[in-house]
PDB file of N, CA and C in Angstrom:
ATOM      1  N   MET A   1      -9.284   9.356  13.566  1.00  0.00           N
ATOM      2  CA  MET A   1      -8.097   9.035  12.684  1.00  0.00           C
ATOM      3  C   MET A   1      -7.637  10.071  11.724  1.00  0.00           C
ATOM      4  N   ASP A   2      -6.542  10.193  11.335  1.00  0.00           N
ATOM      5  CA  ASP A   2      -5.827  11.253  10.596  1.00  0.00           C
ATOM      6  C   ASP A   2      -6.242  11.043   9.221  1.00  0.00           C
ATOM      7  N   ARG A   3      -6.955  11.933   8.590  1.00  0.00           N
ATOM      8  CA  ARG A   3      -7.235  11.861   6.899  1.00  0.00           C
ATOM      9  C   ARG A   3      -6.307  12.608   6.364  1.00  0.00           C
ATOM     10  N   THR A   4      -5.382  13.278   6.800  1.00  0.00           N
ATOM     11  CA  THR A   4      -4.358  13.751   5.949  1.00  0.00           C
ATOM     12  C   THR A   4      -3.342  12.823   5.685  1.00  0.00           C
ATOM     13  N   LEU A   5      -3.110  11.674   5.454  1.00  0.00           N
ATOM     14  CA  LEU A   5      -2.236  10.688   5.076  1.00  0.00           C
ATOM     15  C   LEU A   5      -1.459  11.101   3.941  1.00  0.00           C
ATOM     16  N   THR A   6      -0.203  11.158   3.765  1.00  0.00           N
ATOM     17  CA  THR A   6       0.443  11.365   2.647  1.00  0.00           C
ATOM     18  C   THR A   6       1.456  10.078   2.362  1.00  0.00           C
ATOM     19  N   VAL A   7       1.928   9.952   1.052  1.00  0.00           N
ATOM     20  CA  VAL A   7       2.570   8.770   0.812  1.00  0.00           C
ATOM     21  C   VAL A   7       4.188   9.462   0.740  1.00  0.00           C
ATOM     22  N   THR A   8       5.015   8.821   1.527  1.00  0.00           N
ATOM     23  CA  THR A   8       6.129   9.300   1.806  1.00  0.00           C
ATOM     24  C   THR A   8       7.406   8.424   0.756  1.00  0.00           C
ATOM     25  N   ALA A   9       8.623   8.897   0.863  1.00  0.00           N
ATOM     26  CA  ALA A   9       9.526   8.063   0.145  1.00  0.00           C
ATOM     27  C   ALA A   9       9.818   6.662   0.634  1.00  0.00           C
ATOM     28  N   GLU A  10       9.485   6.503   1.686  1.00  0.00           N
ATOM     29  CA  GLU A  10       9.639   5.208   2.408  1.00  0.00           C
ATOM     30  C   GLU A  10       8.479   4.106   1.848  1.00  0.00           C
ATOM     31  N   ASP A  11       7.126   4.812   1.806  1.00  0.00           N
ATOM     32  CA  ASP A  11       5.948   3.988   1.618  1.00  0.00           C
ATOM     33  C   ASP A  11       6.237   3.688  -0.040  1.00  0.00           C
ATOM     34  N   ILE A  12       6.833   4.369  -0.953  1.00  0.00           N
ATOM     35  CA  ILE A  12       7.154   4.172  -2.211  1.00  0.00           C
ATOM     36  C   ILE A  12       8.081   3.195  -2.411  1.00  0.00           C
ATOM     37  N   ASP A  13       9.297   3.321  -1.538  1.00  0.00           N
ATOM     38  CA  ASP A  13      10.050   2.280  -1.570  1.00  0.00           C
ATOM     39  C   ASP A  13       9.487   0.824  -1.171  1.00  0.00           C
ATOM     40  N   TRP A  14       8.387   0.751  -0.522  1.00  0.00           N
ATOM     41  CA  TRP A  14       7.924  -0.547   0.130  1.00  0.00           C
ATOM     42  C   TRP A  14       7.043  -0.988  -1.069  1.00  0.00           C
ATOM     43  N   LEU A  15       6.268  -0.114  -1.866  1.00  0.00           N
ATOM     44  CA  LEU A  15       5.720  -0.430  -2.813  1.00  0.00           C
ATOM     45  C   LEU A  15       6.407  -0.835  -3.838  1.00  0.00           C
ATOM     46  N   ARG A  16       7.537  -0.460  -4.031  1.00  0.00           N
ATOM     47  CA  ARG A  16       8.537  -0.966  -5.167  1.00  0.00           C
ATOM     48  C   ARG A  16       9.132  -2.408  -4.744  1.00  0.00           C
ATOM     49  N   LYS A  17       9.332  -2.582  -3.521  1.00  0.00           N
ATOM     50  CA  LYS A  17       9.860  -3.798  -3.019  1.00  0.00           C
ATOM     51  C   LYS A  17       8.696  -5.036  -3.264  1.00  0.00           C
ATOM     52  N   LEU A  18       7.254  -4.627  -3.060  1.00  0.00           N
ATOM     53  CA  LEU A  18       6.335  -5.402  -3.265  1.00  0.00           C
ATOM     54  C   LEU A  18       6.155  -5.818  -4.700  1.00  0.00           C
ATOM     55  N   ARG A  19       6.257  -4.739  -5.692  1.00  0.00           N
ATOM     56  CA  ARG A  19       6.085  -4.902  -7.027  1.00  0.00           C
ATOM     57  C   ARG A  19       7.072  -5.931  -7.426  1.00  0.00           C
ATOM     58  N   ASN A  20       8.344  -5.741  -7.009  1.00  0.00           N
ATOM     59  CA  ASN A  20       9.481  -6.447  -7.487  1.00  0.00           C
ATOM     60  C   ASN A  20       9.522  -7.858  -7.068  1.00  0.00           C
ATOM     61  N   ALA A  21       8.827  -8.112  -5.774  1.00  0.00           N
ATOM     62  CA  ALA A  21       8.747  -9.773  -5.238  1.00  0.00           C
ATOM     63  C   ALA A  21       7.690 -10.337  -6.191  1.00  0.00           C
ATOM     64  N   ARG A  22       6.622  -9.701  -6.395  1.00  0.00           N
ATOM     65  CA  ARG A  22       5.560 -10.261  -7.204  1.00  0.00           C
ATOM     66  C   ARG A  22       6.136 -10.674  -8.521  1.00  0.00           C
ATOM     67  N   ALA A  23       6.868  -9.633  -9.228  1.00  0.00           N
ATOM     68  CA  ALA A  23       7.459  -9.988 -10.571  1.00  0.00           C
ATOM     69  C   ALA A  23       8.407 -10.907 -10.451  1.00  0.00           C
ATOM     70  N   ALA A  24       9.335 -11.135  -9.481  1.00  0.00           N
ATOM     71  CA  ALA A  24       9.957 -12.404  -9.284  1.00  0.00           C
ATOM     72  C   ALA A  24       9.506 -13.368  -8.623  1.00  0.00           C
ATOM     73  N   ASN A  25       8.262 -13.546  -8.504  1.00  0.00           N
ATOM     74  CA  ASN A  25       7.547 -14.534  -7.940  1.00  0.00           C
ATOM     75  C   ASN A  25       8.122 -15.237  -6.601  1.00  0.00           C
ATOM     76  N   GLN A  26       8.720 -14.005  -5.743  1.00  0.00           N
ATOM     77  CA  GLN A  26       9.232 -14.355  -4.646  1.00  0.00           C
ATOM     78  C   GLN A  26       8.173 -13.943  -3.629  1.00  0.00           C
ATOM     79  N   PRO A  27       8.165 -14.355  -2.310  1.00  0.00           N
ATOM     80  CA  PRO A  27       7.271 -13.873  -1.105  1.00  0.00           C
ATOM     81  C   PRO A  27       7.724 -12.466  -0.782  1.00  0.00           C
ATOM     82  N   SER A  28       6.548 -11.879  -0.388  1.00  0.00           N
ATOM     83  CA  SER A  28       6.767 -10.125   0.030  1.00  0.00           C
ATOM     84  C   SER A  28       7.784 -10.252   1.295  1.00  0.00           C
ATOM     85  N   PRO A  29       8.312  -9.021   1.080  1.00  0.00           N
ATOM     86  CA  PRO A  29       9.271  -8.749   2.273  1.00  0.00           C
ATOM     87  C   PRO A  29       8.610  -8.430   3.531  1.00  0.00           C
ATOM     88  N   ASP A  30       9.073  -8.738   4.519  1.00  0.00           N
ATOM     89  CA  ASP A  30       8.119  -8.185   5.818  1.00  0.00           C
ATOM     90  C   ASP A  30       8.113  -6.592   5.992  1.00  0.00           C
ATOM     91  N   ILE A  31       7.076  -6.225   5.797  1.00  0.00           N
ATOM     92  CA  ILE A  31       6.760  -4.744   5.864  1.00  0.00           C
ATOM     93  C   ILE A  31       6.470  -4.392   7.127  1.00  0.00           C
ATOM     94  N   PRO A  32       6.884  -2.976   7.693  1.00  0.00           N
ATOM     95  CA  PRO A  32       6.678  -2.751   9.200  1.00  0.00           C
ATOM     96  C   PRO A  32       4.914  -2.461   9.132  1.00  0.00           C
ATOM     97  N   THR A  33       4.486  -2.773  10.262  1.00  0.00           N
ATOM     98  CA  THR A  33       2.910  -2.738  10.331  1.00  0.00           C
ATOM     99  C   THR A  33       2.535  -1.025   9.884  1.00  0.00           C
ATOM    100  N   SER A  34       3.316  -0.252  10.448  1.00  0.00           N
ATOM    101  CA  SER A  34       2.738   1.251  10.501  1.00  0.00           C
ATOM    102  C   SER A  34       2.791   1.474   8.931  1.00  0.00           C
ATOM    103  N   VAL A  35       3.638   1.041   8.127  1.00  0.00           N
ATOM    104  CA  VAL A  35       3.672   1.316   6.411  1.00  0.00           C
ATOM    105  C   VAL A  35       2.438   0.595   6.039  1.00  0.00           C
ATOM    106  N   VAL A  36       2.207  -0.868   6.374  1.00  0.00           N
ATOM    107  CA  VAL A  36       1.189  -1.403   5.941  1.00  0.00           C
ATOM    108  C   VAL A  36      -0.252  -0.768   6.300  1.00  0.00           C
ATOM    109  N   ARG A  37      -0.460  -0.474   7.576  1.00  0.00           N
ATOM    110  CA  ARG A  37      -1.574   0.520   7.584  1.00  0.00           C
ATOM    111  C   ARG A  37      -1.900   1.426   7.089  1.00  0.00           C
ATOM    112  N   LYS A  38      -0.702   2.238   6.708  1.00  0.00           N
ATOM    113  CA  LYS A  38      -0.964   3.479   6.062  1.00  0.00           C
ATOM    114  C   LYS A  38      -1.341   3.343   4.689  1.00  0.00           C
ATOM    115  N   LEU A  39      -0.633   2.519   3.998  1.00  0.00           N
ATOM    116  CA  LEU A  39      -0.852   2.041   2.638  1.00  0.00           C
ATOM    117  C   LEU A  39      -2.244   1.336   2.240  1.00  0.00           C
ATOM    118  N   THR A  40      -2.625   0.678   3.349  1.00  0.00           N
ATOM    119  CA  THR A  40      -3.827   0.006   3.189  1.00  0.00           C
ATOM    120  C   THR A  40      -5.051   1.171   3.293  1.00  0.00           C
ATOM    121  N   LEU A  41      -4.775   2.274   4.190  1.00  0.00           N
ATOM    122  CA  LEU A  41      -5.780   3.179   4.447  1.00  0.00           C
ATOM    123  C   LEU A  41      -5.822   4.053   3.002  1.00  0.00           C
ATOM    124  N   LEU A  42      -4.510   4.067   2.487  1.00  0.00           N
ATOM    125  CA  LEU A  42      -4.580   4.878   1.249  1.00  0.00           C
ATOM    126  C   LEU A  42      -4.969   4.081  -0.150  1.00  0.00           C
ATOM    127  N   ALA A  43      -5.402   2.931   0.075  1.00  0.00           N
ATOM    128  CA  ALA A  43      -5.658   1.982  -1.120  1.00  0.00           C
ATOM    129  C   ALA A  43      -4.471   1.616  -1.868  1.00  0.00           C
ATOM    130  N   CYS A  44      -3.435   1.601  -1.432  1.00  0.00           N
ATOM    131  CA  CYS A  44      -2.029   1.270  -2.131  1.00  0.00           C
ATOM    132  C   CYS A  44      -1.945  -0.182  -1.994  1.00  0.00           C
ATOM    133  N   ALA A  45      -2.099  -0.871  -0.807  1.00  0.00           N
ATOM    134  CA  ALA A  45      -1.875  -2.024  -0.569  1.00  0.00           C
ATOM    135  C   ALA A  45      -2.937  -2.871   0.174  1.00  0.00           C
ATOM    136  N   GLU A  46      -3.075  -4.070  -0.063  1.00  0.00           N
ATOM    137  CA  GLU A  46      -4.015  -5.175   0.304  1.00  0.00           C
ATOM    138  C   GLU A  46      -3.349  -6.398   1.053  1.00  0.00           C
ATOM    139  N   VAL A  47      -3.673  -6.368   2.233  1.00  0.00           N
ATOM    140  CA  VAL A  47      -3.092  -7.331   3.219  1.00  0.00           C
ATOM    141  C   VAL A  47      -3.891  -8.915   2.832  1.00  0.00           C
ATOM    142  N   LYS A  48      -3.319  -9.884   2.247  1.00  0.00           N
ATOM    143  CA  LYS A  48      -4.045 -10.975   2.030  1.00  0.00           C
ATOM    144  C   LYS A  48      -3.703 -11.899   3.126  1.00  0.00           C
ATOM    145  N   GLY A  49      -2.562 -11.858   3.740  1.00  0.00           N
ATOM    146  CA  GLY A  49      -2.252 -13.108   4.880  1.00  0.00           C
ATOM    147  C   GLY A  49      -0.858 -12.829   5.323  1.00  0.00           C
ATOM    148  N   PRO A  50      -0.237 -13.872   6.078  1.00  0.00           N
ATOM    149  CA  PRO A  50       0.958 -13.511   6.709  1.00  0.00           C
ATOM    150  C   PRO A  50       1.993 -13.569   5.150  1.00  0.00           C
ATOM    151  N   ARG A  51       2.797 -12.621   5.241  1.00  0.00           N
ATOM    152  CA  ARG A  51       3.912 -12.490   4.158  1.00  0.00           C
ATOM    153  C   ARG A  51       3.243 -12.339   2.707  1.00  0.00           C
ATOM    154  N   GLU A  52       1.868 -12.088   2.641  1.00  0.00           N
ATOM    155  CA  GLU A  52       1.403 -11.942   1.313  1.00  0.00           C
ATOM    156  C   GLU A  52       0.556 -10.629   1.402  1.00  0.00           C
ATOM    157  N   HIS A  53       1.311  -9.562   0.390  1.00  0.00           N
ATOM    158  CA  HIS A  53       0.602  -8.366   0.331  1.00  0.00           C
ATOM    159  C   HIS A  53       0.622  -8.175  -1.179  1.00  0.00           C
ATOM    160  N   SER A  54      -0.386  -7.371  -1.604  1.00  0.00           N
ATOM    161  CA  SER A  54      -0.244  -7.030  -3.180  1.00  0.00           C
ATOM    162  C   SER A  54      -0.429  -5.517  -3.128  1.00  0.00           C
ATOM    163  N   ASN A  55       0.174  -4.973  -4.422  1.00  0.00           N
ATOM    164  CA  ASN A  55      -0.147  -3.610  -4.676  1.00  0.00           C
ATOM    165  C   ASN A  55      -1.493  -3.468  -5.073  1.00  0.00           C
ATOM    166  N   LYS A  56      -2.070  -2.580  -4.795  1.00  0.00           N
ATOM    167  CA  LYS A  56      -3.474  -2.361  -5.210  1.00  0.00           C
ATOM    168  C   LYS A  56      -3.678  -0.870  -5.364  1.00  0.00           C
ATOM    169  N   PHE A  57      -3.565  -0.301  -6.535  1.00  0.00           N
ATOM    170  CA  PHE A  57      -3.591   1.200  -6.474  1.00  0.00           C
ATOM    171  C   PHE A  57      -4.579   1.466  -7.597  1.00  0.00           C
ATOM    172  N   GLY A  58      -5.749   2.214  -7.547  1.00  0.00           N
ATOM    173  CA  GLY A  58      -6.848   2.405  -8.502  1.00  0.00           C
ATOM    174  C   GLY A  58      -6.393   3.753  -9.241  1.00  0.00           C
ATOM    175  N   GLY A  59      -5.185   4.454  -8.734  1.00  0.00           N
ATOM    176  CA  GLY A  59      -5.181   5.713  -9.406  1.00  0.00           C
ATOM    177  C   GLY A  59      -5.873   6.912  -8.583  1.00  0.00           C
ATOM    178  N   ARG A  60      -5.586   8.050  -9.151  1.00  0.00           N
ATOM    179  CA  ARG A  60      -6.023   9.199  -8.498  1.00  0.00           C
ATOM    180  C   ARG A  60      -7.448   9.462  -8.433  1.00  0.00           C
ATOM    181  N   ASP A  61      -8.353   8.815  -9.304  1.00  0.00           N
ATOM    182  CA  ASP A  61      -9.637   9.065  -9.196  1.00  0.00           C
ATOM    183  C   ASP A  61     -10.156   8.155  -7.826  1.00  0.00           C
ATOM    184  N   GLU A  62      -9.622   6.981  -7.663  1.00  0.00           N
ATOM    185  CA  GLU A  62     -10.074   6.287  -6.736  1.00  0.00           C
ATOM    186  C   GLU A  62      -9.760   7.250  -5.362  1.00  0.00           C
ATOM    187  N   LEU A  63      -8.528   7.553  -5.262  1.00  0.00           N
ATOM    188  CA  LEU A  63      -8.150   8.581  -4.062  1.00  0.00           C
ATOM    189  C   LEU A  63      -9.158   9.542  -3.857  1.00  0.00           C
ATOM    190  N   ASP A  64      -9.435  10.237  -4.894  1.00  0.00           N
ATOM    191  CA  ASP A  64     -10.288  11.280  -4.787  1.00  0.00           C
ATOM    192  C   ASP A  64     -11.670  10.888  -4.351  1.00  0.00           C
ATOM    193  N   ARG A  65     -11.995   9.751  -4.847  1.00  0.00           N
ATOM    194  CA  ARG A  65     -13.440   9.110  -4.634  1.00  0.00           C
ATOM    195  C   ARG A  65     -13.441   9.022  -3.018  1.00  0.00           C
ATOM    196  N   ARG A  66     -12.394   8.202  -2.230  1.00  0.00           N
ATOM    197  CA  ARG A  66     -12.211   8.035  -0.986  1.00  0.00           C
ATOM    198  C   ARG A  66     -12.249   9.097  -0.044  1.00  0.00           C
ATOM    199  N   LYS A  67     -11.565  10.107  -0.754  1.00  0.00           N
ATOM    200  CA  LYS A  67     -11.751  11.475   0.000  1.00  0.00           C
ATOM    201  C   LYS A  67     -12.989  12.229   0.005  1.00  0.00           C
ATOM    202  N   GLN A  68     -13.748  12.128  -0.930  1.00  0.00           N
ATOM    203  CA  GLN A  68     -15.170  12.557  -1.149  1.00  0.00           C
ATOM    204  C   GLN A  68     -16.158  11.796   0.060  1.00  0.00           C
ATOM    205  N   ASN A  69     -15.886  10.262  -0.063  1.00  0.00           N
ATOM    206  CA  ASN A  69     -16.887   9.591   0.654  1.00  0.00           C
ATOM    207  C   ASN A  69     -16.425   9.834   2.107  1.00  0.00           C
ATOM    208  N   GLY A  70     -15.203  10.313   2.483  1.00  0.00           N
ATOM    209  CA  GLY A  70     -14.742  10.145   3.952  1.00  0.00           C
ATOM    210  C   GLY A  70     -14.781   8.975   4.677  1.00  0.00           C
TER     211      GLY A  70
END
């Protein structure tokens, strides 16, 4: 598995869409599977169920800890 995942502008855009949907109490948009997979691996998103995603970002410390633990 590629451990050199980086967040792209598209990923940030999807995170914003998730945040905005949650703030407006709207269902989450349909996110491409590849984006969900990458954000989940980076601990930026959590899949709860069909059309239910949440932003989950613990900050840089969490990302560094995940890199160290491999």
